[in-house]
Amino acid sequence: MNDFPKATNYRAATSLACRIAAVNPLRFNEAVHAGAYPCAPKTTPGKARSFDVNDIIALRCYQRFMAAGQSSSASGAKACAIRGFLAEHPEADRVFIVKTVFDDGDAESGEYRQGYLLTDFDAKDSHIKINARQSLDVVSVEVLNFHYLRGRIVHEIEDAARVVGSED
């Protein structure tokens, strides 16, 4: 496995973060203002949002979920769940999203139920242990690999930082 960098001291403004994540910045701002992407980095009037590497990973996931046909609110909820996972596991190279029979979501409301986000899981397991006496049937396991994506994001941010007078 290649040893890609996992971090950088630089941060990205919205325009650069959206370019790296392949997200239209206008659609992103609309999603934030509509409440569909609640984990966007906070900002104050007149100041640009400042994205770290894990913020951009979540934004890239959001774009991929949207491209797969999920609604903006469902994509935002899932991306923000991943961002929360990355807050707890900042250098995670992957996340296993394990869905059980209780995590199908509500088709009528479009509510996203995240399932269990784990750093490690054997996809051959048919049950997930919840506590000492309870386990649930596993319906699906989705694996998102961040290793290469994180390295590309770090490279893009550092490359932009090298450009003197860059607009980003």
N, C-alpha and C. Protein backbone atom coordinates (compact mmCIF):
# COMPACT_ATOMS: atom_id res chain seq x y z
N MET A 1 0.85 -1.17 0.00
CA MET A 1 0.00 0.00 0.00
C MET A 1 0.89 1.24 0.00
N ASN A 2 0.53 2.22 -0.80
CA ASN A 2 1.30 3.47 -0.87
C ASN A 2 1.13 4.26 0.42
N ASP A 3 2.19 4.96 0.80
CA ASP A 3 2.13 5.81 1.98
C ASP A 3 1.79 7.23 1.57
N PHE A 4 0.51 7.49 1.39
CA PHE A 4 0.06 8.83 1.07
C PHE A 4 0.06 9.67 2.34
N PRO A 5 0.25 10.97 2.22
CA PRO A 5 0.17 11.83 3.42
C PRO A 5 -1.25 11.83 3.96
N LYS A 6 -1.37 11.93 5.27
CA LYS A 6 -2.69 11.92 5.90
C LYS A 6 -3.14 13.30 6.35
N ALA A 7 -2.21 14.26 6.40
CA ALA A 7 -2.58 15.56 6.95
C ALA A 7 -1.74 16.66 6.31
N THR A 8 -2.22 17.87 6.48
CA THR A 8 -1.52 19.05 6.05
C THR A 8 -1.80 20.16 7.05
N ASN A 9 -0.92 21.11 7.14
CA ASN A 9 -1.14 22.25 8.03
C ASN A 9 -2.05 23.30 7.39
N TYR A 10 -2.32 23.15 6.09
CA TYR A 10 -3.14 24.10 5.37
C TYR A 10 -4.61 23.70 5.42
N ARG A 11 -5.45 24.69 5.21
CA ARG A 11 -6.89 24.47 5.11
C ARG A 11 -7.35 25.04 3.78
N ALA A 12 -8.53 24.69 3.34
CA ALA A 12 -9.03 25.14 2.05
C ALA A 12 -10.27 26.00 2.24
N ALA A 13 -10.34 27.08 1.47
CA ALA A 13 -11.55 27.89 1.42
C ALA A 13 -12.61 27.11 0.62
N THR A 14 -13.83 27.56 0.66
CA THR A 14 -14.95 26.86 0.01
C THR A 14 -14.68 26.57 -1.46
N SER A 15 -14.17 27.55 -2.20
CA SER A 15 -13.97 27.34 -3.64
C SER A 15 -12.99 26.20 -3.91
N LEU A 16 -11.90 26.14 -3.17
CA LEU A 16 -10.93 25.07 -3.35
C LEU A 16 -11.50 23.74 -2.86
N ALA A 17 -12.15 23.74 -1.72
CA ALA A 17 -12.74 22.50 -1.19
C ALA A 17 -13.75 21.92 -2.17
N CYS A 18 -14.59 22.77 -2.73
CA CYS A 18 -15.59 22.30 -3.69
C CYS A 18 -14.93 21.80 -4.97
N ARG A 19 -13.88 22.45 -5.41
CA ARG A 19 -13.17 21.99 -6.61
C ARG A 19 -12.55 20.61 -6.36
N ILE A 20 -11.91 20.44 -5.21
CA ILE A 20 -11.30 19.15 -4.88
C ILE A 20 -12.36 18.05 -4.77
N ALA A 21 -13.50 18.38 -4.17
CA ALA A 21 -14.56 17.39 -3.95
C ALA A 21 -15.48 17.23 -5.15
N ALA A 22 -15.25 18.01 -6.21
CA ALA A 22 -16.08 17.97 -7.42
C ALA A 22 -17.53 18.34 -7.13
N VAL A 23 -17.70 19.35 -6.27
CA VAL A 23 -19.04 19.84 -5.89
C VAL A 23 -19.21 21.25 -6.44
N ASN A 24 -20.37 21.51 -7.01
CA ASN A 24 -20.68 22.86 -7.47
C ASN A 24 -20.83 23.75 -6.24
N PRO A 25 -20.02 24.82 -6.11
CA PRO A 25 -20.07 25.65 -4.90
C PRO A 25 -21.43 26.32 -4.68
N LEU A 26 -22.12 26.66 -5.75
CA LEU A 26 -23.45 27.26 -5.59
C LEU A 26 -24.44 26.25 -5.03
N ARG A 27 -24.39 25.01 -5.55
CA ARG A 27 -25.29 23.95 -5.03
C ARG A 27 -24.93 23.62 -3.58
N PHE A 28 -23.63 23.65 -3.26
CA PHE A 28 -23.20 23.40 -1.89
C PHE A 28 -23.78 24.46 -0.96
N ASN A 29 -23.64 25.73 -1.32
CA ASN A 29 -24.18 26.81 -0.48
C ASN A 29 -25.69 26.71 -0.33
N GLU A 30 -26.37 26.32 -1.41
CA GLU A 30 -27.82 26.12 -1.33
C GLU A 30 -28.15 25.00 -0.34
N ALA A 31 -27.39 23.92 -0.40
CA ALA A 31 -27.63 22.79 0.51
C ALA A 31 -27.39 23.20 1.95
N VAL A 32 -26.34 23.98 2.20
CA VAL A 32 -26.05 24.45 3.56
C VAL A 32 -27.19 25.33 4.06
N HIS A 33 -27.61 26.28 3.24
CA HIS A 33 -28.67 27.21 3.66
C HIS A 33 -30.02 26.52 3.82
N ALA A 34 -30.24 25.44 3.08
CA ALA A 34 -31.49 24.68 3.20
C ALA A 34 -31.46 23.71 4.37
N GLY A 35 -30.31 23.57 5.02
CA GLY A 35 -30.18 22.65 6.15
C GLY A 35 -29.90 21.23 5.74
N ALA A 36 -29.60 21.00 4.46
CA ALA A 36 -29.35 19.65 3.96
C ALA A 36 -27.92 19.19 4.22
N TYR A 37 -27.03 20.13 4.56
CA TYR A 37 -25.63 19.78 4.84
C TYR A 37 -25.22 20.50 6.13
N PRO A 38 -25.70 19.99 7.28
CA PRO A 38 -25.49 20.69 8.55
C PRO A 38 -24.08 20.64 9.12
N CYS A 39 -23.21 19.83 8.57
CA CYS A 39 -21.86 19.72 9.13
C CYS A 39 -20.84 20.56 8.39
N ALA A 40 -21.30 21.49 7.57
CA ALA A 40 -20.37 22.39 6.88
C ALA A 40 -19.59 23.18 7.93
N PRO A 41 -18.32 23.43 7.67
CA PRO A 41 -17.56 24.24 8.62
C PRO A 41 -18.28 25.57 8.87
N LYS A 42 -18.28 25.99 10.09
CA LYS A 42 -18.97 27.23 10.47
C LYS A 42 -18.23 28.43 9.91
N THR A 43 -18.97 29.49 9.71
CA THR A 43 -18.40 30.73 9.21
C THR A 43 -19.15 31.91 9.82
N THR A 44 -18.60 33.07 9.64
CA THR A 44 -19.26 34.30 10.07
C THR A 44 -19.38 35.20 8.85
N PRO A 45 -20.29 36.17 8.87
CA PRO A 45 -20.45 37.04 7.70
C PRO A 45 -19.11 37.69 7.31
N GLY A 46 -18.82 37.63 6.02
CA GLY A 46 -17.60 38.23 5.51
C GLY A 46 -16.37 37.34 5.59
N LYS A 47 -16.51 36.16 6.16
CA LYS A 47 -15.37 35.26 6.30
C LYS A 47 -15.69 33.95 5.58
N ALA A 48 -14.70 33.44 4.84
CA ALA A 48 -14.89 32.19 4.09
C ALA A 48 -14.87 30.99 5.03
N ARG A 49 -15.57 29.95 4.65
CA ARG A 49 -15.48 28.68 5.38
C ARG A 49 -14.07 28.14 5.22
N SER A 50 -13.60 27.41 6.22
CA SER A 50 -12.26 26.85 6.20
C SER A 50 -12.38 25.34 6.40
N PHE A 51 -12.01 24.57 5.37
CA PHE A 51 -12.17 23.12 5.36
C PHE A 51 -10.85 22.43 5.65
N ASP A 52 -10.90 21.43 6.55
CA ASP A 52 -9.73 20.58 6.74
C ASP A 52 -9.88 19.35 5.84
N VAL A 53 -8.92 18.48 5.87
CA VAL A 53 -8.93 17.30 4.99
C VAL A 53 -10.18 16.46 5.21
N ASN A 54 -10.55 16.22 6.46
CA ASN A 54 -11.71 15.37 6.73
C ASN A 54 -13.02 16.06 6.34
N ASP A 55 -13.08 17.39 6.41
CA ASP A 55 -14.25 18.10 5.91
C ASP A 55 -14.41 17.84 4.41
N ILE A 56 -13.30 17.82 3.69
CA ILE A 56 -13.36 17.62 2.24
C ILE A 56 -13.68 16.16 1.91
N ILE A 57 -13.21 15.22 2.72
CA ILE A 57 -13.61 13.82 2.53
C ILE A 57 -15.13 13.71 2.63
N ALA A 58 -15.72 14.31 3.66
CA ALA A 58 -17.17 14.27 3.82
C ALA A 58 -17.87 14.95 2.64
N LEU A 59 -17.33 16.06 2.18
CA LEU A 59 -17.92 16.78 1.04
C LEU A 59 -17.84 15.92 -0.22
N ARG A 60 -16.74 15.23 -0.41
CA ARG A 60 -16.61 14.33 -1.57
C ARG A 60 -17.60 13.18 -1.48
N CYS A 61 -17.81 12.65 -0.28
CA CYS A 61 -18.82 11.60 -0.09
C CYS A 61 -20.20 12.14 -0.44
N TYR A 62 -20.48 13.37 0.01
CA TYR A 62 -21.77 14.01 -0.29
C TYR A 62 -21.98 14.05 -1.81
N GLN A 63 -20.95 14.47 -2.55
CA GLN A 63 -21.07 14.55 -4.00
C GLN A 63 -21.34 13.16 -4.59
N ARG A 64 -20.65 12.16 -4.09
CA ARG A 64 -20.84 10.80 -4.62
C ARG A 64 -22.25 10.28 -4.33
N PHE A 65 -22.76 10.56 -3.15
CA PHE A 65 -24.12 10.12 -2.81
C PHE A 65 -25.14 10.82 -3.70
N MET A 66 -24.92 12.12 -3.94
CA MET A 66 -25.81 12.88 -4.83
C MET A 66 -25.75 12.29 -6.25
N ALA A 67 -24.54 12.00 -6.73
CA ALA A 67 -24.37 11.44 -8.08
C ALA A 67 -25.04 10.07 -8.20
N ALA A 68 -25.16 9.37 -7.08
CA ALA A 68 -25.81 8.05 -7.08
C ALA A 68 -27.33 8.16 -7.01
N GLY A 69 -27.85 9.41 -6.95
CA GLY A 69 -29.29 9.60 -6.99
C GLY A 69 -29.96 9.85 -5.66
N GLN A 70 -29.18 9.96 -4.58
CA GLN A 70 -29.79 10.25 -3.28
C GLN A 70 -30.17 11.73 -3.23
N SER A 71 -31.17 12.04 -2.44
CA SER A 71 -31.58 13.43 -2.28
C SER A 71 -30.49 14.22 -1.57
N SER A 72 -30.58 15.53 -1.67
CA SER A 72 -29.60 16.40 -1.02
C SER A 72 -29.61 16.18 0.49
N SER A 73 -30.79 16.06 1.08
CA SER A 73 -30.87 15.89 2.54
C SER A 73 -30.36 14.52 2.97
N ALA A 74 -30.67 13.46 2.21
CA ALA A 74 -30.17 12.13 2.56
C ALA A 74 -28.65 12.07 2.36
N SER A 75 -28.17 12.68 1.28
CA SER A 75 -26.72 12.72 1.02
C SER A 75 -26.01 13.50 2.12
N GLY A 76 -26.60 14.63 2.52
CA GLY A 76 -26.01 15.44 3.58
C GLY A 76 -25.98 14.72 4.91
N ALA A 77 -27.07 14.03 5.23
CA ALA A 77 -27.12 13.30 6.50
C ALA A 77 -26.06 12.20 6.54
N LYS A 78 -25.93 11.48 5.44
CA LYS A 78 -24.95 10.39 5.39
C LYS A 78 -23.53 10.94 5.43
N ALA A 79 -23.27 12.01 4.67
CA ALA A 79 -21.94 12.63 4.67
C ALA A 79 -21.60 13.19 6.05
N CYS A 80 -22.58 13.77 6.72
CA CYS A 80 -22.33 14.33 8.05
C CYS A 80 -22.11 13.23 9.08
N ALA A 81 -22.76 12.08 8.91
CA ALA A 81 -22.49 10.94 9.79
C ALA A 81 -21.03 10.49 9.60
N ILE A 82 -20.58 10.49 8.36
CA ILE A 82 -19.18 10.14 8.08
C ILE A 82 -18.25 11.19 8.68
N ARG A 83 -18.63 12.47 8.59
CA ARG A 83 -17.80 13.53 9.17
C ARG A 83 -17.71 13.34 10.69
N GLY A 84 -18.81 12.96 11.33
CA GLY A 84 -18.79 12.67 12.76
C GLY A 84 -17.88 11.50 13.09
N PHE A 85 -17.92 10.47 12.26
CA PHE A 85 -17.03 9.32 12.42
C PHE A 85 -15.58 9.77 12.32
N LEU A 86 -15.27 10.63 11.35
CA LEU A 86 -13.90 11.11 11.17
C LEU A 86 -13.46 12.03 12.30
N ALA A 87 -14.40 12.67 12.97
CA ALA A 87 -14.04 13.48 14.15
C ALA A 87 -13.53 12.56 15.27
N GLU A 88 -14.13 11.38 15.37
CA GLU A 88 -13.71 10.41 16.38
C GLU A 88 -12.48 9.60 15.96
N HIS A 89 -12.33 9.42 14.65
CA HIS A 89 -11.23 8.61 14.10
C HIS A 89 -10.57 9.42 12.98
N PRO A 90 -9.83 10.48 13.33
CA PRO A 90 -9.36 11.44 12.32
C PRO A 90 -8.43 10.88 11.25
N GLU A 91 -7.75 9.79 11.51
CA GLU A 91 -6.83 9.24 10.50
C GLU A 91 -7.33 7.92 9.92
N ALA A 92 -8.62 7.64 10.08
CA ALA A 92 -9.18 6.39 9.56
C ALA A 92 -9.00 6.31 8.05
N ASP A 93 -8.57 5.16 7.58
CA ASP A 93 -8.41 4.94 6.15
C ASP A 93 -9.67 4.40 5.49
N ARG A 94 -10.62 3.98 6.32
CA ARG A 94 -11.88 3.45 5.77
C ARG A 94 -12.95 3.49 6.85
N VAL A 95 -14.18 3.38 6.41
CA VAL A 95 -15.31 3.22 7.33
C VAL A 95 -16.18 2.09 6.79
N PHE A 96 -16.63 1.26 7.69
CA PHE A 96 -17.59 0.21 7.37
C PHE A 96 -18.95 0.71 7.86
N ILE A 97 -19.89 0.85 6.95
CA ILE A 97 -21.25 1.25 7.32
C ILE A 97 -22.09 -0.02 7.32
N VAL A 98 -22.38 -0.49 8.53
CA VAL A 98 -23.07 -1.76 8.70
C VAL A 98 -24.54 -1.47 8.99
N LYS A 99 -25.39 -1.94 8.08
CA LYS A 99 -26.83 -1.74 8.22
C LYS A 99 -27.47 -3.02 8.75
N THR A 100 -28.36 -2.84 9.69
CA THR A 100 -29.09 -3.98 10.25
C THR A 100 -30.55 -3.90 9.80
N VAL A 101 -31.33 -4.86 10.23
CA VAL A 101 -32.74 -4.88 9.86
C VAL A 101 -33.47 -3.63 10.35
N PHE A 102 -32.91 -2.92 11.32
CA PHE A 102 -33.56 -1.72 11.87
C PHE A 102 -33.04 -0.43 11.23
N ASP A 103 -32.14 -0.54 10.27
CA ASP A 103 -31.53 0.65 9.67
C ASP A 103 -31.95 0.89 8.23
N ASP A 104 -33.12 0.41 7.84
CA ASP A 104 -33.55 0.57 6.45
C ASP A 104 -33.98 1.99 6.13
N GLY A 105 -34.26 2.79 7.14
CA GLY A 105 -34.72 4.16 6.90
C GLY A 105 -36.22 4.18 6.68
N ASP A 106 -36.75 5.34 6.64
CA ASP A 106 -38.17 5.53 6.46
C ASP A 106 -38.41 6.02 5.04
N ALA A 107 -38.94 5.15 4.19
CA ALA A 107 -39.14 5.50 2.78
C ALA A 107 -40.08 6.69 2.62
N GLU A 108 -41.06 6.81 3.50
CA GLU A 108 -42.03 7.90 3.40
C GLU A 108 -41.40 9.25 3.70
N SER A 109 -40.58 9.34 4.72
CA SER A 109 -39.98 10.62 5.10
C SER A 109 -38.63 10.85 4.43
N GLY A 110 -38.03 9.79 3.87
CA GLY A 110 -36.71 9.91 3.28
C GLY A 110 -35.61 10.01 4.32
N GLU A 111 -35.95 9.70 5.57
CA GLU A 111 -34.98 9.80 6.67
C GLU A 111 -33.85 8.82 6.47
N TYR A 112 -32.64 9.29 6.72
CA TYR A 112 -31.47 8.43 6.63
C TYR A 112 -31.14 7.89 8.00
N ARG A 113 -31.05 6.58 8.10
CA ARG A 113 -30.60 5.94 9.34
C ARG A 113 -29.23 5.37 9.04
N GLN A 114 -28.24 5.87 9.76
CA GLN A 114 -26.87 5.60 9.39
C GLN A 114 -26.39 4.18 9.62
N GLY A 115 -27.01 3.41 10.44
CA GLY A 115 -26.45 2.11 10.75
C GLY A 115 -25.30 2.30 11.72
N TYR A 116 -24.35 1.40 11.68
CA TYR A 116 -23.20 1.46 12.57
C TYR A 116 -21.97 1.79 11.75
N LEU A 117 -21.29 2.86 12.10
CA LEU A 117 -20.07 3.24 11.41
C LEU A 117 -18.90 2.71 12.23
N LEU A 118 -18.11 1.83 11.63
CA LEU A 118 -17.05 1.11 12.35
C LEU A 118 -15.72 1.24 11.62
N THR A 119 -14.65 1.20 12.40
CA THR A 119 -13.31 1.23 11.81
C THR A 119 -12.92 -0.13 11.25
N ASP A 120 -13.54 -1.20 11.73
CA ASP A 120 -13.21 -2.54 11.27
C ASP A 120 -14.44 -3.42 11.39
N PHE A 121 -14.64 -4.27 10.40
CA PHE A 121 -15.76 -5.21 10.42
C PHE A 121 -15.47 -6.29 9.39
N ASP A 122 -15.77 -7.53 9.74
CA ASP A 122 -15.61 -8.64 8.81
C ASP A 122 -16.91 -8.75 8.02
N ALA A 123 -16.87 -8.42 6.74
CA ALA A 123 -18.07 -8.38 5.91
C ALA A 123 -18.75 -9.74 5.79
N LYS A 124 -18.08 -10.82 6.20
CA LYS A 124 -18.68 -12.14 6.17
C LYS A 124 -19.60 -12.38 7.37
N ASP A 125 -19.49 -11.53 8.39
CA ASP A 125 -20.33 -11.70 9.58
C ASP A 125 -21.79 -11.40 9.24
N SER A 126 -22.67 -12.23 9.73
CA SER A 126 -24.10 -12.02 9.46
C SER A 126 -24.82 -11.35 10.63
N HIS A 127 -24.10 -11.12 11.72
CA HIS A 127 -24.66 -10.45 12.90
C HIS A 127 -23.66 -9.43 13.43
N ILE A 128 -24.19 -8.42 14.08
CA ILE A 128 -23.34 -7.44 14.75
C ILE A 128 -23.74 -7.44 16.22
N LYS A 129 -22.75 -7.58 17.08
CA LYS A 129 -23.01 -7.62 18.51
C LYS A 129 -23.24 -6.20 19.02
N ILE A 130 -24.38 -5.97 19.64
CA ILE A 130 -24.74 -4.65 20.15
C ILE A 130 -24.29 -4.51 21.60
N ASN A 131 -24.50 -5.55 22.37
CA ASN A 131 -24.05 -5.57 23.76
C ASN A 131 -23.84 -7.03 24.15
N ALA A 132 -23.62 -7.30 25.42
CA ALA A 132 -23.29 -8.66 25.87
C ALA A 132 -24.38 -9.69 25.55
N ARG A 133 -25.63 -9.23 25.43
CA ARG A 133 -26.72 -10.19 25.22
C ARG A 133 -27.49 -10.00 23.92
N GLN A 134 -27.14 -9.00 23.14
CA GLN A 134 -27.94 -8.70 21.96
C GLN A 134 -27.08 -8.56 20.71
N SER A 135 -27.56 -9.17 19.63
CA SER A 135 -26.93 -8.97 18.33
C SER A 135 -28.04 -8.77 17.30
N LEU A 136 -27.70 -8.10 16.21
CA LEU A 136 -28.68 -7.82 15.17
C LEU A 136 -28.23 -8.43 13.85
N ASP A 137 -29.19 -8.80 13.02
CA ASP A 137 -28.89 -9.33 11.70
C ASP A 137 -28.34 -8.22 10.82
N VAL A 138 -27.26 -8.51 10.12
CA VAL A 138 -26.66 -7.57 9.19
C VAL A 138 -27.34 -7.72 7.83
N VAL A 139 -27.81 -6.61 7.29
CA VAL A 139 -28.46 -6.60 5.99
C VAL A 139 -27.47 -6.23 4.89
N SER A 140 -26.61 -5.25 5.18
CA SER A 140 -25.62 -4.84 4.19
C SER A 140 -24.41 -4.20 4.87
N VAL A 141 -23.31 -4.20 4.14
CA VAL A 141 -22.08 -3.55 4.61
C VAL A 141 -21.53 -2.74 3.43
N GLU A 142 -21.37 -1.46 3.67
CA GLU A 142 -20.77 -0.57 2.67
C GLU A 142 -19.40 -0.16 3.20
N VAL A 143 -18.39 -0.22 2.36
CA VAL A 143 -17.05 0.15 2.78
C VAL A 143 -16.61 1.36 1.95
N LEU A 144 -16.24 2.42 2.65
CA LEU A 144 -15.71 3.60 1.97
C LEU A 144 -14.23 3.70 2.33
N ASN A 145 -13.39 3.69 1.30
CA ASN A 145 -11.94 3.77 1.51
C ASN A 145 -11.50 5.21 1.36
N PHE A 146 -10.81 5.72 2.38
CA PHE A 146 -10.36 7.10 2.39
C PHE A 146 -8.87 7.25 2.11
N HIS A 147 -8.14 6.16 2.10
CA HIS A 147 -6.68 6.22 2.02
C HIS A 147 -6.20 7.04 0.82
N TYR A 148 -6.59 6.64 -0.37
CA TYR A 148 -6.16 7.36 -1.57
C TYR A 148 -6.79 8.75 -1.62
N LEU A 149 -8.07 8.85 -1.31
CA LEU A 149 -8.77 10.14 -1.34
C LEU A 149 -8.09 11.15 -0.42
N ARG A 150 -7.76 10.72 0.78
CA ARG A 150 -7.09 11.61 1.74
C ARG A 150 -5.75 12.10 1.17
N GLY A 151 -4.97 11.21 0.57
CA GLY A 151 -3.71 11.59 -0.03
C GLY A 151 -3.88 12.59 -1.16
N ARG A 152 -4.88 12.38 -2.00
CA ARG A 152 -5.16 13.32 -3.10
C ARG A 152 -5.58 14.68 -2.56
N ILE A 153 -6.40 14.70 -1.53
CA ILE A 153 -6.86 15.96 -0.95
C ILE A 153 -5.67 16.73 -0.37
N VAL A 154 -4.81 16.05 0.38
CA VAL A 154 -3.63 16.70 0.94
C VAL A 154 -2.78 17.27 -0.19
N HIS A 155 -2.56 16.49 -1.23
CA HIS A 155 -1.76 16.95 -2.37
C HIS A 155 -2.39 18.20 -3.00
N GLU A 156 -3.68 18.18 -3.23
CA GLU A 156 -4.37 19.32 -3.86
C GLU A 156 -4.30 20.58 -3.00
N ILE A 157 -4.49 20.43 -1.70
CA ILE A 157 -4.42 21.60 -0.81
C ILE A 157 -3.00 22.17 -0.79
N GLU A 158 -2.01 21.29 -0.65
CA GLU A 158 -0.62 21.77 -0.61
C GLU A 158 -0.19 22.35 -1.94
N ASP A 159 -0.66 21.78 -3.04
CA ASP A 159 -0.35 22.31 -4.35
C ASP A 159 -0.93 23.72 -4.49
N ALA A 160 -2.14 23.92 -4.05
CA ALA A 160 -2.76 25.25 -4.11
C ALA A 160 -2.05 26.24 -3.22
N ALA A 161 -1.55 25.79 -2.09
CA ALA A 161 -0.85 26.67 -1.14
C ALA A 161 0.49 27.15 -1.73
N ARG A 162 1.06 26.38 -2.65
CA ARG A 162 2.34 26.75 -3.27
C ARG A 162 2.17 27.87 -4.30
N VAL A 163 0.95 28.08 -4.77
CA VAL A 163 0.71 29.08 -5.80
C VAL A 163 0.56 30.45 -5.13
N VAL A 164 1.54 31.29 -5.32
CA VAL A 164 1.50 32.63 -4.73
C VAL A 164 0.44 33.46 -5.45
N GLY A 165 -0.39 34.10 -4.65
CA GLY A 165 -1.44 34.93 -5.23
C GLY A 165 -2.63 34.13 -5.72
N SER A 166 -2.74 32.88 -5.30
CA SER A 166 -3.86 32.04 -5.70
C SER A 166 -5.16 32.63 -5.18
N GLU A 167 -6.21 32.45 -5.94
CA GLU A 167 -7.52 32.96 -5.50
C GLU A 167 -8.16 32.08 -4.45
N ASP A 168 -7.64 30.88 -4.22
CA ASP A 168 -8.26 29.95 -3.25
C ASP A 168 -7.70 30.14 -1.88
